[in-house]
Amino acid sequence: MKTLMQTTSLDAYSQIDEKGLGRQQQEVLDVILKFGDICNNETAKYLGIPINCITGRVNELTKLGIIEDKGKRKSRVTGINSIAWGIKDES
């Protein structure tokens, strides 16, 4: 997982901050910004909350156009192919 924020992520973060996200939305977003593309079960493990709390927030962040599906990869938690979520490309 990435540990450094890219310049584009910092730009996206400053724009997102103005949207007034809820606490859990912000927590999920912060994990994505910190680690880069990450699966729901990895985010749940990192935050120490149930995955059903993550999936709802991911859905909301996707609908807001903040994050997007970055493709499938093996989860570092389950070893099963899962969708990795990341900051939406501005292209």
C-alpha atoms as a PDB file:
ATOM      1  CA  MET A   1       0.000   0.000   0.000  1.00  0.00           C
ATOM      2  CA  LYS A   2       1.111   3.552  -0.668  1.00  0.00           C
ATOM      3  CA  THR A   3       2.050   5.645   2.328  1.00  0.00           C
ATOM      4  CA  LEU A   4       2.704   9.033   0.722  1.00  0.00           C
ATOM      5  CA  MET A   5       0.004  11.272  -0.681  1.00  0.00           C
ATOM      6  CA  GLN A   6       0.457  12.273  -4.284  1.00  0.00           C
ATOM      7  CA  THR A   7      -0.008  15.906  -5.314  1.00  0.00           C
ATOM      8  CA  THR A   8      -3.223  15.026  -7.135  1.00  0.00           C
ATOM      9  CA  SER A   9      -4.556  13.411  -3.957  1.00  0.00           C
ATOM     10  CA  LEU A  10      -3.789  16.547  -1.968  1.00  0.00           C
ATOM     11  CA  ASP A  11      -5.604  18.656  -4.577  1.00  0.00           C
ATOM     12  CA  ALA A  12      -8.594  16.310  -4.477  1.00  0.00           C
ATOM     13  CA  TYR A  13      -8.588  16.373  -0.670  1.00  0.00           C
ATOM     14  CA  SER A  14      -8.738  20.188  -0.566  1.00  0.00           C
ATOM     15  CA  GLN A  15     -11.743  20.176  -2.925  1.00  0.00           C
ATOM     16  CA  ILE A  16     -13.467  17.386  -0.985  1.00  0.00           C
ATOM     17  CA  ASP A  17     -12.979  19.146   2.352  1.00  0.00           C
ATOM     18  CA  GLU A  18     -15.371  21.842   1.170  1.00  0.00           C
ATOM     19  CA  LYS A  19     -18.187  19.303   0.615  1.00  0.00           C
ATOM     20  CA  GLY A  20     -18.765  18.692   4.335  1.00  0.00           C
ATOM     21  CA  LEU A  21     -18.578  14.919   4.585  1.00  0.00           C
ATOM     22  CA  GLY A  22     -19.922  12.927   7.509  1.00  0.00           C
ATOM     23  CA  ARG A  23     -17.503  11.530  10.106  1.00  0.00           C
ATOM     24  CA  GLN A  24     -17.389   7.966   8.758  1.00  0.00           C
ATOM     25  CA  GLN A  25     -17.263   9.180   5.159  1.00  0.00           C
ATOM     26  CA  GLN A  26     -14.257  11.288   6.096  1.00  0.00           C
ATOM     27  CA  GLU A  27     -12.591   8.396   7.933  1.00  0.00           C
ATOM     28  CA  VAL A  28     -12.960   6.112   4.895  1.00  0.00           C
ATOM     29  CA  LEU A  29     -11.699   8.858   2.597  1.00  0.00           C
ATOM     30  CA  ASP A  30      -8.712   9.509   4.859  1.00  0.00           C
ATOM     31  CA  VAL A  31      -7.723   5.821   4.641  1.00  0.00           C
ATOM     32  CA  ILE A  32      -7.955   5.920   0.835  1.00  0.00           C
ATOM     33  CA  LEU A  33      -5.868   9.090   0.740  1.00  0.00           C
ATOM     34  CA  LYS A  34      -3.278   7.573   3.073  1.00  0.00           C
ATOM     35  CA  PHE A  35      -2.916   4.142   1.463  1.00  0.00           C
ATOM     36  CA  GLY A  36      -4.054   4.663  -2.122  1.00  0.00           C
ATOM     37  CA  ASP A  37      -6.297   2.096  -3.779  1.00  0.00           C
ATOM     38  CA  ILE A  38      -7.733  -0.077  -1.026  1.00  0.00           C
ATOM     39  CA  CYS A  39     -10.407  -2.771  -0.658  1.00  0.00           C
ATOM     40  CA  ASN A  40     -13.379  -2.474   1.697  1.00  0.00           C
ATOM     41  CA  ASN A  41     -12.199  -5.272   3.990  1.00  0.00           C
ATOM     42  CA  GLU A  42      -8.760  -3.674   4.272  1.00  0.00           C
ATOM     43  CA  THR A  43     -10.363  -0.346   5.188  1.00  0.00           C
ATOM     44  CA  ALA A  44     -12.605  -2.068   7.745  1.00  0.00           C
ATOM     45  CA  LYS A  45      -9.613  -3.788   9.354  1.00  0.00           C
ATOM     46  CA  TYR A  46      -7.583  -0.570   9.453  1.00  0.00           C
ATOM     47  CA  LEU A  47     -10.418   1.426  11.034  1.00  0.00           C
ATOM     48  CA  GLY A  48     -11.529  -1.422  13.303  1.00  0.00           C
ATOM     49  CA  ILE A  49     -15.168  -1.195  12.258  1.00  0.00           C
ATOM     50  CA  PRO A  50     -17.501  -3.703  10.539  1.00  0.00           C
ATOM     51  CA  ILE A  51     -17.324  -3.940   6.755  1.00  0.00           C
ATOM     52  CA  ASN A  52     -21.031  -3.043   6.452  1.00  0.00           C
ATOM     53  CA  CYS A  53     -20.126   0.400   7.820  1.00  0.00           C
ATOM     54  CA  ILE A  54     -17.495   0.741   5.083  1.00  0.00           C
ATOM     55  CA  THR A  55     -19.588  -0.387   2.106  1.00  0.00           C
ATOM     56  CA  GLY A  56     -22.261   2.230   2.716  1.00  0.00           C
ATOM     57  CA  ARG A  57     -19.724   5.026   2.994  1.00  0.00           C
ATOM     58  CA  VAL A  58     -17.909   3.823  -0.138  1.00  0.00           C
ATOM     59  CA  ASN A  59     -21.219   3.850  -2.017  1.00  0.00           C
ATOM     60  CA  GLU A  60     -21.906   7.410  -0.852  1.00  0.00           C
ATOM     61  CA  LEU A  61     -18.408   8.620  -1.776  1.00  0.00           C
ATOM     62  CA  THR A  62     -18.797   7.000  -5.195  1.00  0.00           C
ATOM     63  CA  LYS A  63     -22.146   8.736  -5.777  1.00  0.00           C
ATOM     64  CA  LEU A  64     -20.545  12.049  -4.776  1.00  0.00           C
ATOM     65  CA  GLY A  65     -17.930  11.473  -7.481  1.00  0.00           C
ATOM     66  CA  ILE A  66     -15.037  11.461  -5.014  1.00  0.00           C
ATOM     67  CA  ILE A  67     -13.840   7.871  -5.377  1.00  0.00           C
ATOM     68  CA  GLU A  68     -14.110   5.212  -8.084  1.00  0.00           C
ATOM     69  CA  ASP A  69     -13.574   1.528  -8.757  1.00  0.00           C
ATOM     70  CA  LYS A  70      -9.884   1.020  -9.559  1.00  0.00           C
ATOM     71  CA  GLY A  71     -10.268  -2.629 -10.542  1.00  0.00           C
ATOM     72  CA  LYS A  72      -9.997  -5.939  -8.768  1.00  0.00           C
ATOM     73  CA  ARG A  73      -6.989  -7.281  -6.914  1.00  0.00           C
ATOM     74  CA  LYS A  74      -6.326  -9.755  -4.129  1.00  0.00           C
ATOM     75  CA  SER A  75      -7.273  -8.367  -0.749  1.00  0.00           C
ATOM     76  CA  ARG A  76      -4.459  -8.319   1.772  1.00  0.00           C
ATOM     77  CA  VAL A  77      -7.006  -9.347   4.416  1.00  0.00           C
ATOM     78  CA  THR A  78      -8.924 -12.182   2.744  1.00  0.00           C
ATOM     79  CA  GLY A  79      -6.755 -13.133  -0.230  1.00  0.00           C
ATOM     80  CA  ILE A  80      -9.899 -13.017  -2.394  1.00  0.00           C
ATOM     81  CA  ASN A  81     -10.238 -10.763  -5.445  1.00  0.00           C
ATOM     82  CA  SER A  82     -11.977  -7.587  -4.342  1.00  0.00           C
ATOM     83  CA  ILE A  83     -12.624  -4.139  -5.773  1.00  0.00           C
ATOM     84  CA  ALA A  84     -10.007  -1.570  -4.815  1.00  0.00           C
ATOM     85  CA  TRP A  85     -11.348   1.957  -4.353  1.00  0.00           C
ATOM     86  CA  GLY A  86      -9.330   5.106  -5.009  1.00  0.00           C
ATOM     87  CA  ILE A  87      -9.615   8.811  -5.641  1.00  0.00           C
ATOM     88  CA  LYS A  88     -11.510   9.488  -8.860  1.00  0.00           C
ATOM     89  CA  ASP A  89      -9.307  10.493 -11.772  1.00  0.00           C
ATOM     90  CA  GLU A  90      -9.966  14.015 -12.961  1.00  0.00           C
ATOM     91  CA  SER A  91      -9.715  13.075 -16.645  1.00  0.00           C
END
